[in-house]
Amino acid sequence: MLDTFGQQSVSVLVTNPDLQIKPADNKDIGMNHGIGRKFCDMTGPGLSKRKLLVGLDLLCLLLASIPFFVCELKAVRPHRTGFICGDPSITYPYIHQEVVSDTLLIGGGILITALTIGVGECYCVRFLGISSRAFVRNLYVSRLYKELGGFLFGCFVGQSLTNMAKLSVGRLRPHFLSVCSVTYASLNCTPGTYVASVSCRQPDHRLVEEARKSFFSGHASFAMYTALYLACYLQARLRWRGARLLRPMLQFLLLLLAVYTGLTRISDHRHHPSDVLTGYGQGALTAYWVAFHVSSMFKRSRCMLSSAPSSLSTHHTIY
């Protein structure tokens, strides 16, 4: 009888869910371990190391911008190349007013990109629960630092490559003779012969120096870089299923603006068609490299601007 009672009591203890002893949850242990590891990374040696890495990022950004500023500050003169007497490609008139000025291109490109990335990353942090392992506690600042930092790095790399080519090649712009205030008749040269040097009658030497920086187009390269980088950003972030054609339409408009910017350089007699095509290629390659190998938009992040309810309750960590 005691054996029977013992078996029944044991049976009750086993079948009663309130009295069962549950094993430890490995998920909770892993979560607590992750929190502890994150806390260690945010203090002590981990914090100093991350600050050092940020300083290294800023140093790399500065080094990438040096060739760009060297050219813009006129610290180095372009290579003085000659021309073939009778070459019609450098006889176009000089147009003072540009369709797309430097201020409009740089200001508009950086402003549109910064606003798009700012809105996208703030949306990810606010509504999608994005976290970060960066030492900066403000998630908004951390996300903007990563994405905008990568974009600016690509800007300096692309424009530094462009200016290095301008100074090294020294190709004459289509309006070179007009800026130089000379003609083939005034030079009294034999058609088909090479003219190594020419004495320009233009009092403004800065215009003459700029007329030797045709290859390759900085407007085309910067416009294509900005457009393709934004197109990649929209591809990685904008996943709203309500309108399938919204994202490709925005990407098409960006590319349309980039192509139009390059074409205006030909109509303004600032560049030869080959200069613009080379600028397109350089800007596209730089945008691809930065978007897929420098930026974190396609790396482990699943931040998507989506209207799906499930995405609002998902927590992601950005490395």
C-alpha atoms as a PDB file:
ATOM      1  CA  MET A   1       0.000   0.000   0.000  1.00  0.00           C
ATOM      2  CA  LEU A   2       2.834   2.329   0.824  1.00  0.00           C
ATOM      3  CA  ASP A   3       4.427   1.448  -2.467  1.00  0.00           C
ATOM      4  CA  THR A   4       1.219   2.270  -4.261  1.00  0.00           C
ATOM      5  CA  PHE A   5       0.869   5.591  -2.458  1.00  0.00           C
ATOM      6  CA  GLY A   6       4.505   6.379  -3.189  1.00  0.00           C
ATOM      7  CA  GLN A   7       4.071   5.705  -6.841  1.00  0.00           C
ATOM      8  CA  GLN A   8       0.962   7.880  -7.003  1.00  0.00           C
ATOM      9  CA  SER A   9       2.610  10.739  -5.185  1.00  0.00           C
ATOM     10  CA  VAL A  10       5.592  10.569  -7.483  1.00  0.00           C
ATOM     11  CA  SER A  11       3.242  10.530 -10.439  1.00  0.00           C
ATOM     12  CA  VAL A  12       1.520  13.675  -9.187  1.00  0.00           C
ATOM     13  CA  LEU A  13       4.790  15.465  -8.703  1.00  0.00           C
ATOM     14  CA  VAL A  14       5.911  14.645 -12.224  1.00  0.00           C
ATOM     15  CA  THR A  15       2.711  15.497 -14.001  1.00  0.00           C
ATOM     16  CA  ASN A  16       2.000  18.747 -12.166  1.00  0.00           C
ATOM     17  CA  PRO A  17       3.436  21.573 -14.307  1.00  0.00           C
ATOM     18  CA  ASP A  18       3.591  23.990 -11.407  1.00  0.00           C
ATOM     19  CA  LEU A  19       5.830  21.708  -9.405  1.00  0.00           C
ATOM     20  CA  GLN A  20       8.179  20.653 -12.193  1.00  0.00           C
ATOM     21  CA  ILE A  21      11.777  21.837 -12.046  1.00  0.00           C
ATOM     22  CA  LYS A  22      12.624  23.419 -15.381  1.00  0.00           C
ATOM     23  CA  PRO A  23      16.190  23.399 -16.700  1.00  0.00           C
ATOM     24  CA  ALA A  24      17.970  26.657 -17.167  1.00  0.00           C
ATOM     25  CA  ASP A  25      17.192  28.482 -20.400  1.00  0.00           C
ATOM     26  CA  ASN A  26      20.266  28.539 -22.570  1.00  0.00           C
ATOM     27  CA  LYS A  27      18.877  31.511 -24.456  1.00  0.00           C
ATOM     28  CA  ASP A  28      18.713  33.604 -21.287  1.00  0.00           C
ATOM     29  CA  ILE A  29      22.224  32.551 -20.352  1.00  0.00           C
ATOM     30  CA  GLY A  30      23.478  33.522 -23.794  1.00  0.00           C
ATOM     31  CA  MET A  31      21.633  36.833 -23.599  1.00  0.00           C
ATOM     32  CA  ASN A  32      23.108  37.650 -20.210  1.00  0.00           C
ATOM     33  CA  HIS A  33      26.534  36.673 -21.460  1.00  0.00           C
ATOM     34  CA  GLY A  34      26.080  38.940 -24.488  1.00  0.00           C
ATOM     35  CA  ILE A  35      25.036  41.843 -22.271  1.00  0.00           C
ATOM     36  CA  GLY A  36      28.079  41.309 -20.101  1.00  0.00           C
ATOM     37  CA  ARG A  37      30.377  41.162 -23.070  1.00  0.00           C
ATOM     38  CA  LYS A  38      28.813  44.319 -24.507  1.00  0.00           C
ATOM     39  CA  PHE A  39      29.266  46.075 -21.160  1.00  0.00           C
ATOM     40  CA  CYS A  40      32.916  45.097 -21.126  1.00  0.00           C
ATOM     41  CA  ASP A  41      33.331  46.417 -24.652  1.00  0.00           C
ATOM     42  CA  MET A  42      31.784  49.731 -23.655  1.00  0.00           C
ATOM     43  CA  THR A  43      34.206  50.307 -20.764  1.00  0.00           C
ATOM     44  CA  GLY A  44      37.884  49.918 -20.057  1.00  0.00           C
ATOM     45  CA  PRO A  45      40.273  48.716 -22.763  1.00  0.00           C
ATOM     46  CA  GLY A  46      37.430  48.040 -25.204  1.00  0.00           C
ATOM     47  CA  LEU A  47      36.349  51.687 -25.111  1.00  0.00           C
ATOM     48  CA  SER A  48      39.896  52.957 -25.634  1.00  0.00           C
ATOM     49  CA  LYS A  49      40.366  50.620 -28.576  1.00  0.00           C
ATOM     50  CA  ARG A  50      37.169  51.816 -30.239  1.00  0.00           C
ATOM     51  CA  LYS A  51      38.156  55.450 -29.777  1.00  0.00           C
ATOM     52  CA  LEU A  52      41.508  54.650 -31.348  1.00  0.00           C
ATOM     53  CA  LEU A  53      39.742  53.067 -34.333  1.00  0.00           C
ATOM     54  CA  VAL A  54      37.583  56.169 -34.767  1.00  0.00           C
ATOM     55  CA  GLY A  55      40.722  58.284 -34.756  1.00  0.00           C
ATOM     56  CA  LEU A  56      42.178  55.982 -37.402  1.00  0.00           C
ATOM     57  CA  ASP A  57      39.043  56.449 -39.516  1.00  0.00           C
ATOM     58  CA  LEU A  58      39.385  60.222 -39.320  1.00  0.00           C
ATOM     59  CA  LEU A  59      43.062  59.977 -40.264  1.00  0.00           C
ATOM     60  CA  CYS A  60      42.222  57.870 -43.323  1.00  0.00           C
ATOM     61  CA  LEU A  61      39.539  60.399 -44.293  1.00  0.00           C
ATOM     62  CA  LEU A  62      42.087  63.198 -44.045  1.00  0.00           C
ATOM     63  CA  LEU A  63      44.689  61.334 -46.102  1.00  0.00           C
ATOM     64  CA  ALA A  64      42.149  60.551 -48.822  1.00  0.00           C
ATOM     65  CA  SER A  65      41.259  64.244 -49.096  1.00  0.00           C
ATOM     66  CA  ILE A  66      44.830  65.551 -49.493  1.00  0.00           C
ATOM     67  CA  PRO A  67      45.101  65.186 -53.304  1.00  0.00           C
ATOM     68  CA  PHE A  68      41.695  66.820 -53.687  1.00  0.00           C
ATOM     69  CA  PHE A  69      42.620  69.896 -51.648  1.00  0.00           C
ATOM     70  CA  VAL A  70      46.073  70.127 -53.240  1.00  0.00           C
ATOM     71  CA  CYS A  71      44.428  70.601 -56.621  1.00  0.00           C
ATOM     72  CA  GLU A  72      41.654  72.887 -55.385  1.00  0.00           C
ATOM     73  CA  LEU A  73      44.121  75.167 -53.599  1.00  0.00           C
ATOM     74  CA  LYS A  74      46.255  75.401 -56.775  1.00  0.00           C
ATOM     75  CA  ALA A  75      49.294  74.074 -54.931  1.00  0.00           C
ATOM     76  CA  VAL A  76      50.364  72.039 -57.985  1.00  0.00           C
ATOM     77  CA  ARG A  77      50.196  73.226 -61.579  1.00  0.00           C
ATOM     78  CA  PRO A  78      48.851  70.904 -64.298  1.00  0.00           C
ATOM     79  CA  HIS A  79      51.098  69.316 -66.882  1.00  0.00           C
ATOM     80  CA  ARG A  80      51.666  71.685 -69.808  1.00  0.00           C
ATOM     81  CA  THR A  81      50.874  69.624 -72.869  1.00  0.00           C
ATOM     82  CA  GLY A  82      50.803  70.876 -76.436  1.00  0.00           C
ATOM     83  CA  PHE A  83      48.375  70.408 -79.308  1.00  0.00           C
ATOM     84  CA  ILE A  84      48.186  69.685 -83.008  1.00  0.00           C
ATOM     85  CA  CYS A  85      47.859  72.771 -85.163  1.00  0.00           C
ATOM     86  CA  GLY A  86      44.441  72.802 -86.769  1.00  0.00           C
ATOM     87  CA  ASP A  87      42.858  70.495 -84.166  1.00  0.00           C
ATOM     88  CA  PRO A  88      39.168  71.526 -84.132  1.00  0.00           C
ATOM     89  CA  SER A  89      38.432  69.916 -80.747  1.00  0.00           C
ATOM     90  CA  ILE A  90      39.977  72.839 -78.799  1.00  0.00           C
ATOM     91  CA  THR A  91      38.506  75.713 -80.845  1.00  0.00           C
ATOM     92  CA  TYR A  92      35.075  75.952 -79.171  1.00  0.00           C
ATOM     93  CA  PRO A  93      33.986  79.278 -77.637  1.00  0.00           C
ATOM     94  CA  TYR A  94      34.224  79.891 -73.909  1.00  0.00           C
ATOM     95  CA  ILE A  95      30.826  79.980 -72.135  1.00  0.00           C
ATOM     96  CA  HIS A  96      30.925  81.898 -68.860  1.00  0.00           C
ATOM     97  CA  GLN A  97      27.708  80.524 -67.373  1.00  0.00           C
ATOM     98  CA  GLU A  98      27.621  76.809 -66.570  1.00  0.00           C
ATOM     99  CA  VAL A  99      24.388  74.825 -66.496  1.00  0.00           C
ATOM    100  CA  VAL A 100      25.516  72.867 -63.421  1.00  0.00           C
ATOM    101  CA  SER A 101      27.984  74.881 -61.377  1.00  0.00           C
ATOM    102  CA  ASP A 102      30.433  73.463 -58.850  1.00  0.00           C
ATOM    103  CA  THR A 103      28.416  74.870 -55.949  1.00  0.00           C
ATOM    104  CA  LEU A 104      25.161  73.388 -57.214  1.00  0.00           C
ATOM    105  CA  LEU A 105      26.727  69.989 -57.873  1.00  0.00           C
ATOM    106  CA  ILE A 106      28.587  69.583 -54.586  1.00  0.00           C
ATOM    107  CA  GLY A 107      25.971  71.244 -52.405  1.00  0.00           C
ATOM    108  CA  GLY A 108      23.039  69.454 -53.992  1.00  0.00           C
ATOM    109  CA  GLY A 109      24.751  66.066 -54.106  1.00  0.00           C
ATOM    110  CA  ILE A 110      25.921  66.100 -50.502  1.00  0.00           C
ATOM    111  CA  LEU A 111      22.672  67.621 -49.201  1.00  0.00           C
ATOM    112  CA  ILE A 112      20.394  65.117 -50.940  1.00  0.00           C
ATOM    113  CA  THR A 113      22.570  62.182 -49.883  1.00  0.00           C
ATOM    114  CA  ALA A 114      22.867  63.374 -46.279  1.00  0.00           C
ATOM    115  CA  LEU A 115      19.110  63.922 -45.963  1.00  0.00           C
ATOM    116  CA  THR A 116      18.307  60.524 -47.476  1.00  0.00           C
ATOM    117  CA  ILE A 117      20.754  58.661 -45.258  1.00  0.00           C
ATOM    118  CA  GLY A 118      19.709  60.663 -42.209  1.00  0.00           C
ATOM    119  CA  VAL A 119      16.033  59.876 -42.655  1.00  0.00           C
ATOM    120  CA  GLY A 120      16.740  56.221 -43.436  1.00  0.00           C
ATOM    121  CA  GLU A 121      19.020  55.573 -40.474  1.00  0.00           C
ATOM    122  CA  CYS A 122      16.821  57.468 -38.017  1.00  0.00           C
ATOM    123  CA  TYR A 123      13.866  55.391 -39.193  1.00  0.00           C
ATOM    124  CA  CYS A 124      15.844  52.202 -38.589  1.00  0.00           C
ATOM    125  CA  VAL A 125      16.788  53.240 -35.067  1.00  0.00           C
ATOM    126  CA  ARG A 126      13.379  54.609 -34.114  1.00  0.00           C
ATOM    127  CA  PHE A 127      11.023  52.016 -35.552  1.00  0.00           C
ATOM    128  CA  LEU A 128      13.067  48.874 -36.252  1.00  0.00           C
ATOM    129  CA  GLY A 129      14.965  48.597 -32.971  1.00  0.00           C
ATOM    130  CA  ILE A 130      18.449  48.772 -34.465  1.00  0.00           C
ATOM    131  CA  SER A 131      21.240  48.585 -31.890  1.00  0.00           C
ATOM    132  CA  SER A 132      24.977  49.154 -32.210  1.00  0.00           C
ATOM    133  CA  ARG A 133      28.216  47.977 -30.632  1.00  0.00           C
ATOM    134  CA  ALA A 134      29.850  51.370 -31.086  1.00  0.00           C
ATOM    135  CA  PHE A 135      31.120  53.192 -28.002  1.00  0.00           C
ATOM    136  CA  VAL A 136      28.822  56.135 -28.787  1.00  0.00           C
ATOM    137  CA  ARG A 137      25.704  55.593 -26.699  1.00  0.00           C
ATOM    138  CA  ASN A 138      23.513  57.659 -29.016  1.00  0.00           C
ATOM    139  CA  LEU A 139      22.364  55.202 -31.669  1.00  0.00           C
ATOM    140  CA  TYR A 140      21.430  57.977 -34.085  1.00  0.00           C
ATOM    141  CA  VAL A 141      24.945  59.416 -34.007  1.00  0.00           C
ATOM    142  CA  SER A 142      26.481  55.961 -34.337  1.00  0.00           C
ATOM    143  CA  ARG A 143      24.443  55.023 -37.394  1.00  0.00           C
ATOM    144  CA  LEU A 144      24.965  58.375 -39.121  1.00  0.00           C
ATOM    145  CA  TYR A 145      28.700  58.210 -38.421  1.00  0.00           C
ATOM    146  CA  LYS A 146      29.003  54.853 -40.182  1.00  0.00           C
ATOM    147  CA  GLU A 147      26.928  55.613 -43.265  1.00  0.00           C
ATOM    148  CA  LEU A 148      27.820  59.270 -43.808  1.00  0.00           C
ATOM    149  CA  GLY A 149      31.461  58.558 -42.988  1.00  0.00           C
ATOM    150  CA  GLY A 150      31.617  55.917 -45.710  1.00  0.00           C
ATOM    151  CA  PHE A 151      29.936  58.242 -48.201  1.00  0.00           C
ATOM    152  CA  LEU A 152      32.326  61.121 -47.497  1.00  0.00           C
ATOM    153  CA  PHE A 153      35.299  58.783 -47.751  1.00  0.00           C
ATOM    154  CA  GLY A 154      34.139  57.766 -51.216  1.00  0.00           C
ATOM    155  CA  CYS A 155      33.688  61.417 -52.187  1.00  0.00           C
ATOM    156  CA  PHE A 156      37.278  62.266 -51.276  1.00  0.00           C
ATOM    157  CA  VAL A 157      38.680  59.138 -52.928  1.00  0.00           C
ATOM    158  CA  GLY A 158      36.796  59.773 -56.166  1.00  0.00           C
ATOM    159  CA  GLN A 159      37.651  63.453 -56.400  1.00  0.00           C
ATOM    160  CA  SER A 160      41.266  62.856 -55.423  1.00  0.00           C
ATOM    161  CA  LEU A 161      41.606  60.373 -58.276  1.00  0.00           C
ATOM    162  CA  THR A 162      39.955  62.875 -60.612  1.00  0.00           C
ATOM    163  CA  ASN A 163      42.207  65.760 -59.647  1.00  0.00           C
ATOM    164  CA  MET A 164      45.307  63.577 -59.836  1.00  0.00           C
ATOM    165  CA  ALA A 165      44.386  62.692 -63.426  1.00  0.00           C
ATOM    166  CA  LYS A 166      43.724  66.343 -64.282  1.00  0.00           C
ATOM    167  CA  LEU A 167      47.133  67.444 -63.015  1.00  0.00           C
ATOM    168  CA  SER A 168      49.042  64.517 -64.484  1.00  0.00           C
ATOM    169  CA  VAL A 169      47.528  64.481 -67.982  1.00  0.00           C
ATOM    170  CA  GLY A 170      46.894  68.189 -68.532  1.00  0.00           C
ATOM    171  CA  ARG A 171      44.519  67.628 -71.437  1.00  0.00           C
ATOM    172  CA  LEU A 172      43.281  70.850 -73.024  1.00  0.00           C
ATOM    173  CA  ARG A 173      39.614  71.712 -72.714  1.00  0.00           C
ATOM    174  CA  PRO A 174      37.488  72.298 -75.836  1.00  0.00           C
ATOM    175  CA  HIS A 175      37.583  76.064 -75.221  1.00  0.00           C
ATOM    176  CA  PHE A 176      41.340  76.276 -74.671  1.00  0.00           C
ATOM    177  CA  LEU A 177      42.145  78.551 -77.611  1.00  0.00           C
ATOM    178  CA  SER A 178      39.245  80.838 -76.738  1.00  0.00           C
ATOM    179  CA  VAL A 179      40.431  81.165 -73.146  1.00  0.00           C
ATOM    180  CA  CYS A 180      44.010  81.599 -74.306  1.00  0.00           C
ATOM    181  CA  SER A 181      42.817  84.378 -76.644  1.00  0.00           C
ATOM    182  CA  VAL A 182      44.702  83.013 -79.644  1.00  0.00           C
ATOM    183  CA  THR A 183      43.799  81.417 -82.984  1.00  0.00           C
ATOM    184  CA  TYR A 184      45.636  79.163 -85.391  1.00  0.00           C
ATOM    185  CA  ALA A 185      45.990  82.121 -87.711  1.00  0.00           C
ATOM    186  CA  SER A 186      47.627  84.252 -85.020  1.00  0.00           C
ATOM    187  CA  LEU A 187      49.975  81.417 -84.140  1.00  0.00           C
ATOM    188  CA  ASN A 188      51.005  81.099 -87.805  1.00  0.00           C
ATOM    189  CA  CYS A 189      51.546  77.364 -87.393  1.00  0.00           C
ATOM    190  CA  THR A 190      51.531  74.679 -90.063  1.00  0.00           C
ATOM    191  CA  PRO A 191      48.398  72.487 -89.928  1.00  0.00           C
ATOM    192  CA  GLY A 192      49.189  69.010 -88.670  1.00  0.00           C
ATOM    193  CA  THR A 193      52.339  70.006 -86.788  1.00  0.00           C
ATOM    194  CA  TYR A 194      52.704  69.719 -83.040  1.00  0.00           C
ATOM    195  CA  VAL A 195      52.768  72.969 -81.059  1.00  0.00           C
ATOM    196  CA  ALA A 196      54.626  72.295 -77.821  1.00  0.00           C
ATOM    197  CA  SER A 197      53.893  75.623 -76.111  1.00  0.00           C
ATOM    198  CA  VAL A 198      51.908  78.780 -76.660  1.00  0.00           C
ATOM    199  CA  SER A 199      51.971  82.245 -75.105  1.00  0.00           C
ATOM    200  CA  CYS A 200      48.425  83.058 -74.064  1.00  0.00           C
ATOM    201  CA  ARG A 201      47.096  86.600 -74.157  1.00  0.00           C
ATOM    202  CA  GLN A 202      44.626  85.939 -71.367  1.00  0.00           C
ATOM    203  CA  PRO A 203      45.386  88.193 -68.368  1.00  0.00           C
ATOM    204  CA  ASP A 204      43.651  85.827 -65.939  1.00  0.00           C
ATOM    205  CA  HIS A 205      46.135  82.979 -65.535  1.00  0.00           C
ATOM    206  CA  ARG A 206      43.692  80.962 -63.447  1.00  0.00           C
ATOM    207  CA  LEU A 207      41.430  80.484 -66.455  1.00  0.00           C
ATOM    208  CA  VAL A 208      44.368  79.244 -68.501  1.00  0.00           C
ATOM    209  CA  GLU A 209      45.344  76.780 -65.777  1.00  0.00           C
ATOM    210  CA  GLU A 210      41.773  75.489 -65.559  1.00  0.00           C
ATOM    211  CA  ALA A 211      41.694  75.109 -69.349  1.00  0.00           C
ATOM    212  CA  ARG A 212      44.416  72.453 -68.965  1.00  0.00           C
ATOM    213  CA  LYS A 213      42.312  70.185 -66.732  1.00  0.00           C
ATOM    214  CA  SER A 214      39.970  68.461 -69.129  1.00  0.00           C
ATOM    215  CA  PHE A 215      40.669  64.776 -68.431  1.00  0.00           C
ATOM    216  CA  PHE A 216      38.576  63.556 -66.831  1.00  0.00           C
ATOM    217  CA  SER A 217      35.285  65.183 -65.854  1.00  0.00           C
ATOM    218  CA  GLY A 218      34.930  65.780 -62.130  1.00  0.00           C
ATOM    219  CA  HIS A 219      31.269  66.688 -62.543  1.00  0.00           C
ATOM    220  CA  ALA A 220      30.512  63.394 -64.273  1.00  0.00           C
ATOM    221  CA  SER A 221      32.425  61.309 -61.728  1.00  0.00           C
ATOM    222  CA  PHE A 222      30.923  63.011 -58.661  1.00  0.00           C
ATOM    223  CA  ALA A 223      27.388  62.982 -60.065  1.00  0.00           C
ATOM    224  CA  MET A 224      27.605  59.293 -60.999  1.00  0.00           C
ATOM    225  CA  TYR A 225      29.152  58.376 -57.646  1.00  0.00           C
ATOM    226  CA  THR A 226      26.450  60.184 -55.685  1.00  0.00           C
ATOM    227  CA  ALA A 227      23.630  58.782 -57.805  1.00  0.00           C
ATOM    228  CA  LEU A 228      24.815  55.172 -57.694  1.00  0.00           C
ATOM    229  CA  TYR A 229      25.620  55.320 -53.993  1.00  0.00           C
ATOM    230  CA  LEU A 230      22.114  56.579 -53.254  1.00  0.00           C
ATOM    231  CA  ALA A 231      20.661  53.935 -55.580  1.00  0.00           C
ATOM    232  CA  CYS A 232      22.524  51.242 -53.632  1.00  0.00           C
ATOM    233  CA  TYR A 233      21.338  52.737 -50.351  1.00  0.00           C
ATOM    234  CA  LEU A 234      17.731  52.636 -51.526  1.00  0.00           C
ATOM    235  CA  GLN A 235      18.246  49.053 -52.660  1.00  0.00           C
ATOM    236  CA  ALA A 236      19.451  48.083 -49.193  1.00  0.00           C
ATOM    237  CA  ARG A 237      16.959  50.057 -47.136  1.00  0.00           C
ATOM    238  CA  LEU A 238      13.745  50.714 -49.075  1.00  0.00           C
ATOM    239  CA  ARG A 239      11.758  47.454 -49.156  1.00  0.00           C
ATOM    240  CA  TRP A 240       8.206  48.785 -49.094  1.00  0.00           C
ATOM    241  CA  ARG A 241       6.048  46.237 -50.904  1.00  0.00           C
ATOM    242  CA  GLY A 242       3.147  48.634 -51.358  1.00  0.00           C
ATOM    243  CA  ALA A 243       4.618  50.034 -54.575  1.00  0.00           C
ATOM    244  CA  ARG A 244       6.938  47.808 -56.560  1.00  0.00           C
ATOM    245  CA  LEU A 245       8.024  50.519 -58.977  1.00  0.00           C
ATOM    246  CA  LEU A 246       8.734  53.229 -56.405  1.00  0.00           C
ATOM    247  CA  ARG A 247      12.303  52.173 -55.668  1.00  0.00           C
ATOM    248  CA  PRO A 248      13.390  51.573 -59.299  1.00  0.00           C
ATOM    249  CA  MET A 249      11.748  54.857 -60.294  1.00  0.00           C
ATOM    250  CA  LEU A 250      13.762  56.772 -57.690  1.00  0.00           C
ATOM    251  CA  GLN A 251      16.924  54.993 -58.785  1.00  0.00           C
ATOM    252  CA  PHE A 252      16.200  55.861 -62.415  1.00  0.00           C
ATOM    253  CA  LEU A 253      15.736  59.536 -61.553  1.00  0.00           C
ATOM    254  CA  LEU A 254      19.070  59.579 -59.745  1.00  0.00           C
ATOM    255  CA  LEU A 255      20.869  58.061 -62.733  1.00  0.00           C
ATOM    256  CA  LEU A 256      19.050  60.463 -65.047  1.00  0.00           C
ATOM    257  CA  LEU A 257      20.364  63.444 -63.089  1.00  0.00           C
ATOM    258  CA  ALA A 258      23.889  62.018 -63.150  1.00  0.00           C
ATOM    259  CA  VAL A 259      23.839  61.436 -66.913  1.00  0.00           C
ATOM    260  CA  TYR A 260      22.359  64.889 -67.529  1.00  0.00           C
ATOM    261  CA  THR A 261      25.076  66.509 -65.423  1.00  0.00           C
ATOM    262  CA  GLY A 262      27.766  64.866 -67.528  1.00  0.00           C
ATOM    263  CA  LEU A 263      26.111  65.830 -70.809  1.00  0.00           C
ATOM    264  CA  THR A 264      25.990  69.489 -69.770  1.00  0.00           C
ATOM    265  CA  ARG A 265      29.776  69.439 -69.497  1.00  0.00           C
ATOM    266  CA  ILE A 266      29.929  68.657 -73.207  1.00  0.00           C
ATOM    267  CA  SER A 267      27.381  71.304 -74.184  1.00  0.00           C
ATOM    268  CA  ASP A 268      29.179  73.872 -72.000  1.00  0.00           C
ATOM    269  CA  HIS A 269      32.431  73.075 -73.864  1.00  0.00           C
ATOM    270  CA  ARG A 270      34.121  72.137 -70.580  1.00  0.00           C
ATOM    271  CA  HIS A 271      34.970  68.554 -71.502  1.00  0.00           C
ATOM    272  CA  HIS A 272      35.357  66.204 -74.427  1.00  0.00           C
ATOM    273  CA  PRO A 273      32.944  63.251 -74.672  1.00  0.00           C
ATOM    274  CA  SER A 274      35.711  60.827 -73.673  1.00  0.00           C
ATOM    275  CA  ASP A 275      36.323  62.870 -70.505  1.00  0.00           C
ATOM    276  CA  VAL A 276      32.687  62.497 -69.498  1.00  0.00           C
ATOM    277  CA  LEU A 277      32.575  58.772 -70.257  1.00  0.00           C
ATOM    278  CA  THR A 278      35.690  58.184 -68.177  1.00  0.00           C
ATOM    279  CA  GLY A 279      34.178  60.201 -65.338  1.00  0.00           C
ATOM    280  CA  TYR A 280      31.043  58.066 -65.458  1.00  0.00           C
ATOM    281  CA  GLY A 281      33.122  54.899 -65.195  1.00  0.00           C
ATOM    282  CA  GLN A 282      35.298  56.164 -62.357  1.00  0.00           C
ATOM    283  CA  GLY A 283      32.283  57.352 -60.361  1.00  0.00           C
ATOM    284  CA  ALA A 284      30.442  54.069 -60.879  1.00  0.00           C
ATOM    285  CA  LEU A 285      33.421  51.965 -59.778  1.00  0.00           C
ATOM    286  CA  THR A 286      33.955  54.123 -56.694  1.00  0.00           C
ATOM    287  CA  ALA A 287      30.276  53.882 -55.739  1.00  0.00           C
ATOM    288  CA  TYR A 288      30.297  50.087 -56.100  1.00  0.00           C
ATOM    289  CA  TRP A 289      33.482  49.755 -54.044  1.00  0.00           C
ATOM    290  CA  VAL A 290      32.270  51.986 -51.216  1.00  0.00           C
ATOM    291  CA  ALA A 291      28.731  50.563 -51.093  1.00  0.00           C
ATOM    292  CA  PHE A 292      29.755  46.888 -51.004  1.00  0.00           C
ATOM    293  CA  HIS A 293      33.195  46.928 -49.414  1.00  0.00           C
ATOM    294  CA  VAL A 294      33.386  50.031 -47.192  1.00  0.00           C
ATOM    295  CA  SER A 295      29.861  50.873 -46.072  1.00  0.00           C
ATOM    296  CA  SER A 296      27.850  48.609 -43.765  1.00  0.00           C
ATOM    297  CA  MET A 297      24.551  48.937 -45.650  1.00  0.00           C
ATOM    298  CA  PHE A 298      24.817  45.394 -47.064  1.00  0.00           C
ATOM    299  CA  LYS A 299      26.720  43.846 -44.132  1.00  0.00           C
ATOM    300  CA  ARG A 300      24.763  41.802 -41.582  1.00  0.00           C
ATOM    301  CA  SER A 301      22.189  44.551 -41.219  1.00  0.00           C
ATOM    302  CA  ARG A 302      18.591  43.717 -42.009  1.00  0.00           C
ATOM    303  CA  CYS A 303      17.346  47.251 -41.607  1.00  0.00           C
ATOM    304  CA  MET A 304      14.656  47.713 -44.240  1.00  0.00           C
ATOM    305  CA  LEU A 305      12.178  50.560 -44.656  1.00  0.00           C
ATOM    306  CA  SER A 306       9.216  48.221 -44.875  1.00  0.00           C
ATOM    307  CA  SER A 307       5.564  48.339 -43.970  1.00  0.00           C
ATOM    308  CA  ALA A 308       5.493  44.682 -42.849  1.00  0.00           C
ATOM    309  CA  PRO A 309       4.287  44.398 -39.203  1.00  0.00           C
ATOM    310  CA  SER A 310       6.798  41.666 -38.405  1.00  0.00           C
ATOM    311  CA  SER A 311       9.744  43.943 -39.110  1.00  0.00           C
ATOM    312  CA  LEU A 312       8.652  46.437 -36.456  1.00  0.00           C
ATOM    313  CA  SER A 313       9.096  43.952 -33.649  1.00  0.00           C
ATOM    314  CA  THR A 314      12.471  42.606 -34.742  1.00  0.00           C
ATOM    315  CA  HIS A 315      15.638  43.646 -32.931  1.00  0.00           C
ATOM    316  CA  HIS A 316      18.867  43.789 -34.887  1.00  0.00           C
ATOM    317  CA  THR A 317      22.414  44.495 -33.959  1.00  0.00           C
ATOM    318  CA  ILE A 318      24.718  46.445 -36.248  1.00  0.00           C
ATOM    319  CA  TYR A 319      28.440  45.694 -36.087  1.00  0.00           C
END
